[in-house]
Amino acid sequence: MLKKGMPIKYKISELASQDIDSIIDYTVQNFGYKTMIKYHQSLEHCFEILALNPLIGLQSDFIKENYYRFNHQSHVVFYQILGSKLLIVRVLHKSMDVARMFD
């Protein structure tokens, strides 16, 4: 059972890794290298916060059972709690059609 404040390890799925790569590319092209570094660091910090407090996200069973979501600036982090691990499933822009991205 998860207890608040007890950190668990997180892993980034292949799709989430691709999402992050796309975010990095877009941010560099549109906002510059320094902004990309700051945003990437903020995403990593977000993942660490989720690993420390995995239940702070909103349950998103409409996507799939045991899915959670957590807003981070312009993006939404979707994740699962798998025992003592947290899997970052996707990192999608808030304007994306979420249902389509999970088909």
N, C-alpha and C. Protein backbone atom coordinates (compact mmCIF):
# COMPACT_ATOMS: atom_id res chain seq x y z
N MET A 1 0.83 -1.18 0.00
CA MET A 1 0.00 0.00 0.00
C MET A 1 0.88 1.25 0.00
N LEU A 2 0.46 2.24 -0.79
CA LEU A 2 1.22 3.48 -0.87
C LEU A 2 0.91 4.38 0.31
N LYS A 3 1.94 5.02 0.82
CA LYS A 3 1.77 5.98 1.90
C LYS A 3 2.31 7.31 1.42
N LYS A 4 1.59 8.37 1.75
CA LYS A 4 1.99 9.71 1.36
C LYS A 4 3.39 10.02 1.89
N GLY A 5 4.22 10.58 0.99
CA GLY A 5 5.56 10.97 1.39
C GLY A 5 6.60 9.88 1.27
N MET A 6 6.18 8.67 0.91
CA MET A 6 7.13 7.57 0.72
C MET A 6 7.44 7.49 -0.77
N PRO A 7 8.64 7.89 -1.16
CA PRO A 7 8.95 7.92 -2.60
C PRO A 7 8.97 6.53 -3.22
N ILE A 8 8.50 6.48 -4.45
CA ILE A 8 8.60 5.26 -5.23
C ILE A 8 9.40 5.60 -6.49
N LYS A 9 9.88 4.59 -7.17
CA LYS A 9 10.65 4.82 -8.38
C LYS A 9 9.70 5.06 -9.54
N TYR A 10 10.16 5.89 -10.49
CA TYR A 10 9.33 6.09 -11.67
C TYR A 10 10.10 5.66 -12.91
N LYS A 11 9.34 5.26 -13.90
CA LYS A 11 9.87 4.85 -15.19
C LYS A 11 9.08 5.58 -16.26
N ILE A 12 9.76 5.92 -17.34
CA ILE A 12 9.12 6.63 -18.45
C ILE A 12 8.90 5.65 -19.59
N SER A 13 7.65 5.53 -20.04
CA SER A 13 7.33 4.62 -21.13
C SER A 13 7.95 5.11 -22.43
N GLU A 14 7.99 4.24 -23.41
CA GLU A 14 8.51 4.61 -24.73
C GLU A 14 7.69 5.74 -25.34
N LEU A 15 6.36 5.66 -25.23
CA LEU A 15 5.52 6.73 -25.78
C LEU A 15 5.75 8.05 -25.05
N ALA A 16 5.87 8.00 -23.74
CA ALA A 16 6.14 9.22 -22.98
C ALA A 16 7.49 9.80 -23.36
N SER A 17 8.47 8.95 -23.59
CA SER A 17 9.79 9.40 -24.01
C SER A 17 9.70 10.11 -25.36
N GLN A 18 8.90 9.56 -26.26
CA GLN A 18 8.69 10.21 -27.56
C GLN A 18 7.97 11.54 -27.39
N ASP A 19 7.00 11.58 -26.48
CA ASP A 19 6.29 12.83 -26.20
C ASP A 19 7.28 13.90 -25.70
N ILE A 20 8.15 13.51 -24.78
CA ILE A 20 9.12 14.44 -24.21
C ILE A 20 10.09 14.92 -25.29
N ASP A 21 10.53 14.02 -26.15
CA ASP A 21 11.41 14.43 -27.26
C ASP A 21 10.73 15.46 -28.15
N SER A 22 9.45 15.25 -28.43
CA SER A 22 8.70 16.21 -29.26
C SER A 22 8.56 17.56 -28.55
N ILE A 23 8.32 17.52 -27.25
CA ILE A 23 8.21 18.75 -26.46
C ILE A 23 9.54 19.51 -26.51
N ILE A 24 10.63 18.78 -26.36
CA ILE A 24 11.96 19.40 -26.39
C ILE A 24 12.20 20.05 -27.76
N ASP A 25 11.93 19.32 -28.83
CA ASP A 25 12.14 19.85 -30.18
C ASP A 25 11.30 21.10 -30.41
N TYR A 26 10.03 21.04 -30.05
CA TYR A 26 9.13 22.18 -30.24
C TYR A 26 9.61 23.39 -29.43
N THR A 27 9.99 23.14 -28.19
CA THR A 27 10.40 24.23 -27.31
C THR A 27 11.67 24.90 -27.81
N VAL A 28 12.64 24.12 -28.26
CA VAL A 28 13.88 24.71 -28.80
C VAL A 28 13.57 25.56 -30.02
N GLN A 29 12.76 25.03 -30.93
CA GLN A 29 12.46 25.75 -32.17
C GLN A 29 11.68 27.03 -31.93
N ASN A 30 10.78 27.02 -30.95
CA ASN A 30 9.88 28.16 -30.75
C ASN A 30 10.26 29.09 -29.61
N PHE A 31 11.03 28.60 -28.64
CA PHE A 31 11.33 29.41 -27.47
C PHE A 31 12.81 29.47 -27.11
N GLY A 32 13.63 28.65 -27.77
CA GLY A 32 15.06 28.70 -27.53
C GLY A 32 15.58 27.65 -26.57
N TYR A 33 16.89 27.50 -26.60
CA TYR A 33 17.57 26.46 -25.83
C TYR A 33 17.39 26.62 -24.32
N LYS A 34 17.55 27.85 -23.82
CA LYS A 34 17.46 28.06 -22.37
C LYS A 34 16.07 27.71 -21.84
N THR A 35 15.05 28.09 -22.58
CA THR A 35 13.68 27.77 -22.17
C THR A 35 13.45 26.27 -22.20
N MET A 36 14.01 25.60 -23.21
CA MET A 36 13.87 24.15 -23.30
C MET A 36 14.50 23.47 -22.09
N ILE A 37 15.69 23.91 -21.71
CA ILE A 37 16.37 23.33 -20.55
C ILE A 37 15.51 23.52 -19.29
N LYS A 38 14.99 24.72 -19.09
CA LYS A 38 14.16 24.99 -17.92
C LYS A 38 12.91 24.12 -17.91
N TYR A 39 12.27 23.99 -19.07
CA TYR A 39 11.04 23.21 -19.13
C TYR A 39 11.33 21.72 -18.91
N HIS A 40 12.40 21.25 -19.50
CA HIS A 40 12.77 19.84 -19.32
C HIS A 40 13.06 19.56 -17.84
N GLN A 41 13.77 20.46 -17.19
CA GLN A 41 14.06 20.30 -15.77
C GLN A 41 12.77 20.33 -14.95
N SER A 42 11.83 21.18 -15.36
CA SER A 42 10.57 21.25 -14.62
C SER A 42 9.76 19.97 -14.80
N LEU A 43 9.84 19.34 -15.97
CA LEU A 43 9.17 18.05 -16.17
C LEU A 43 9.79 16.98 -15.27
N GLU A 44 11.11 16.94 -15.22
CA GLU A 44 11.78 15.98 -14.35
C GLU A 44 11.39 16.19 -12.89
N HIS A 45 11.30 17.44 -12.48
CA HIS A 45 10.89 17.76 -11.12
C HIS A 45 9.45 17.30 -10.88
N CYS A 46 8.59 17.49 -11.87
CA CYS A 46 7.21 17.03 -11.79
C CYS A 46 7.16 15.52 -11.58
N PHE A 47 7.96 14.77 -12.32
CA PHE A 47 8.00 13.31 -12.17
C PHE A 47 8.46 12.92 -10.77
N GLU A 48 9.42 13.66 -10.24
CA GLU A 48 9.91 13.38 -8.89
C GLU A 48 8.82 13.66 -7.85
N ILE A 49 8.06 14.72 -8.05
CA ILE A 49 6.95 15.03 -7.15
C ILE A 49 5.91 13.92 -7.19
N LEU A 50 5.60 13.45 -8.41
CA LEU A 50 4.64 12.36 -8.54
C LEU A 50 5.14 11.08 -7.87
N ALA A 51 6.44 10.82 -7.98
CA ALA A 51 7.01 9.64 -7.33
C ALA A 51 6.94 9.76 -5.81
N LEU A 52 7.04 10.97 -5.31
CA LEU A 52 6.97 11.19 -3.87
C LEU A 52 5.52 11.14 -3.37
N ASN A 53 4.60 11.63 -4.21
CA ASN A 53 3.18 11.69 -3.83
C ASN A 53 2.32 11.21 -5.01
N PRO A 54 2.35 9.94 -5.33
CA PRO A 54 1.67 9.44 -6.53
C PRO A 54 0.15 9.61 -6.53
N LEU A 55 -0.42 9.78 -5.37
CA LEU A 55 -1.88 9.91 -5.32
C LEU A 55 -2.38 11.35 -5.48
N ILE A 56 -1.48 12.30 -5.77
CA ILE A 56 -1.93 13.69 -5.94
C ILE A 56 -2.60 13.93 -7.29
N GLY A 57 -2.39 13.03 -8.22
CA GLY A 57 -3.03 13.17 -9.53
C GLY A 57 -4.50 12.79 -9.45
N LEU A 58 -5.23 13.14 -10.49
CA LEU A 58 -6.65 12.81 -10.58
C LEU A 58 -6.81 11.46 -11.26
N GLN A 59 -7.64 10.60 -10.69
CA GLN A 59 -7.90 9.32 -11.32
C GLN A 59 -8.54 9.56 -12.68
N SER A 60 -8.12 8.78 -13.65
CA SER A 60 -8.60 8.94 -15.03
C SER A 60 -9.01 7.59 -15.60
N ASP A 61 -9.90 6.93 -14.90
CA ASP A 61 -10.36 5.61 -15.32
C ASP A 61 -11.09 5.64 -16.66
N PHE A 62 -11.51 6.83 -17.10
CA PHE A 62 -12.17 6.93 -18.41
C PHE A 62 -11.18 6.61 -19.54
N ILE A 63 -9.89 6.72 -19.25
CA ILE A 63 -8.86 6.37 -20.23
C ILE A 63 -8.57 4.88 -20.12
N LYS A 64 -8.21 4.48 -18.92
CA LYS A 64 -7.92 3.09 -18.62
C LYS A 64 -7.90 2.95 -17.10
N GLU A 65 -8.29 1.79 -16.62
CA GLU A 65 -8.31 1.57 -15.18
C GLU A 65 -6.91 1.80 -14.60
N ASN A 66 -6.88 2.46 -13.44
CA ASN A 66 -5.64 2.74 -12.72
C ASN A 66 -4.76 3.79 -13.41
N TYR A 67 -5.35 4.64 -14.24
CA TYR A 67 -4.62 5.76 -14.83
C TYR A 67 -4.90 7.01 -14.01
N TYR A 68 -3.86 7.84 -13.91
CA TYR A 68 -3.96 9.13 -13.24
C TYR A 68 -3.45 10.21 -14.18
N ARG A 69 -3.85 11.44 -13.90
CA ARG A 69 -3.32 12.57 -14.67
C ARG A 69 -2.95 13.70 -13.71
N PHE A 70 -1.94 14.45 -14.14
CA PHE A 70 -1.45 15.57 -13.34
C PHE A 70 -1.07 16.69 -14.28
N ASN A 71 -1.65 17.87 -14.08
CA ASN A 71 -1.34 19.01 -14.94
C ASN A 71 0.03 19.58 -14.61
N HIS A 72 0.78 19.83 -15.68
CA HIS A 72 2.08 20.47 -15.53
C HIS A 72 2.22 21.53 -16.61
N GLN A 73 2.07 22.77 -16.24
CA GLN A 73 2.15 23.90 -17.15
C GLN A 73 1.26 23.66 -18.37
N SER A 74 1.81 23.56 -19.57
CA SER A 74 1.02 23.38 -20.78
C SER A 74 0.72 21.92 -21.10
N HIS A 75 1.14 21.03 -20.25
CA HIS A 75 1.01 19.60 -20.53
C HIS A 75 0.27 18.87 -19.41
N VAL A 76 -0.15 17.67 -19.75
CA VAL A 76 -0.78 16.78 -18.77
C VAL A 76 0.04 15.49 -18.75
N VAL A 77 0.47 15.11 -17.56
CA VAL A 77 1.23 13.88 -17.38
C VAL A 77 0.23 12.77 -17.02
N PHE A 78 0.21 11.71 -17.81
CA PHE A 78 -0.62 10.55 -17.53
C PHE A 78 0.28 9.45 -16.99
N TYR A 79 -0.16 8.81 -15.93
CA TYR A 79 0.69 7.80 -15.31
C TYR A 79 -0.15 6.71 -14.64
N GLN A 80 0.52 5.61 -14.34
CA GLN A 80 -0.07 4.50 -13.61
C GLN A 80 0.77 4.22 -12.38
N ILE A 81 0.11 3.77 -11.34
CA ILE A 81 0.80 3.29 -10.15
C ILE A 81 0.77 1.77 -10.24
N LEU A 82 1.96 1.20 -10.35
CA LEU A 82 2.09 -0.25 -10.50
C LEU A 82 2.85 -0.81 -9.31
N GLY A 83 2.12 -1.14 -8.28
CA GLY A 83 2.76 -1.63 -7.06
C GLY A 83 3.59 -0.53 -6.43
N SER A 84 4.89 -0.76 -6.37
CA SER A 84 5.79 0.23 -5.77
C SER A 84 6.52 1.03 -6.84
N LYS A 85 5.95 1.07 -8.06
CA LYS A 85 6.55 1.85 -9.15
C LYS A 85 5.50 2.73 -9.79
N LEU A 86 5.97 3.80 -10.39
CA LEU A 86 5.11 4.72 -11.11
C LEU A 86 5.56 4.72 -12.56
N LEU A 87 4.63 4.50 -13.47
CA LEU A 87 4.94 4.50 -14.89
C LEU A 87 4.36 5.75 -15.52
N ILE A 88 5.24 6.61 -16.05
CA ILE A 88 4.80 7.78 -16.81
C ILE A 88 4.39 7.24 -18.18
N VAL A 89 3.10 7.31 -18.49
CA VAL A 89 2.56 6.69 -19.70
C VAL A 89 2.62 7.64 -20.89
N ARG A 90 2.18 8.88 -20.71
CA ARG A 90 2.19 9.88 -21.78
C ARG A 90 2.38 11.25 -21.15
N VAL A 91 2.89 12.19 -21.96
CA VAL A 91 2.98 13.60 -21.58
C VAL A 91 2.42 14.36 -22.78
N LEU A 92 1.17 14.82 -22.65
CA LEU A 92 0.45 15.40 -23.78
C LEU A 92 0.12 16.86 -23.53
N HIS A 93 0.09 17.62 -24.61
CA HIS A 93 -0.31 19.02 -24.50
C HIS A 93 -1.78 19.08 -24.12
N LYS A 94 -2.14 20.08 -23.34
CA LYS A 94 -3.51 20.22 -22.85
C LYS A 94 -4.53 20.34 -23.98
N SER A 95 -4.10 20.81 -25.14
CA SER A 95 -5.04 21.01 -26.24
C SER A 95 -5.28 19.74 -27.07
N MET A 96 -4.53 18.68 -26.79
CA MET A 96 -4.66 17.45 -27.58
C MET A 96 -5.94 16.69 -27.25
N ASP A 97 -6.41 15.93 -28.21
CA ASP A 97 -7.55 15.04 -28.03
C ASP A 97 -7.06 13.80 -27.31
N VAL A 98 -7.24 13.78 -26.01
CA VAL A 98 -6.69 12.71 -25.18
C VAL A 98 -7.24 11.35 -25.57
N ALA A 99 -8.53 11.26 -25.79
CA ALA A 99 -9.14 9.97 -26.14
C ALA A 99 -8.50 9.38 -27.40
N ARG A 100 -8.23 10.22 -28.38
CA ARG A 100 -7.61 9.77 -29.63
C ARG A 100 -6.18 9.30 -29.38
N MET A 101 -5.47 9.94 -28.46
CA MET A 101 -4.07 9.60 -28.20
C MET A 101 -3.93 8.26 -27.46
N PHE A 102 -5.03 7.80 -26.84
CA PHE A 102 -4.99 6.54 -26.11
C PHE A 102 -5.70 5.41 -26.84
N ASP A 103 -6.15 5.65 -28.07
CA ASP A 103 -6.80 4.58 -28.86
C ASP A 103 -5.80 3.55 -29.29
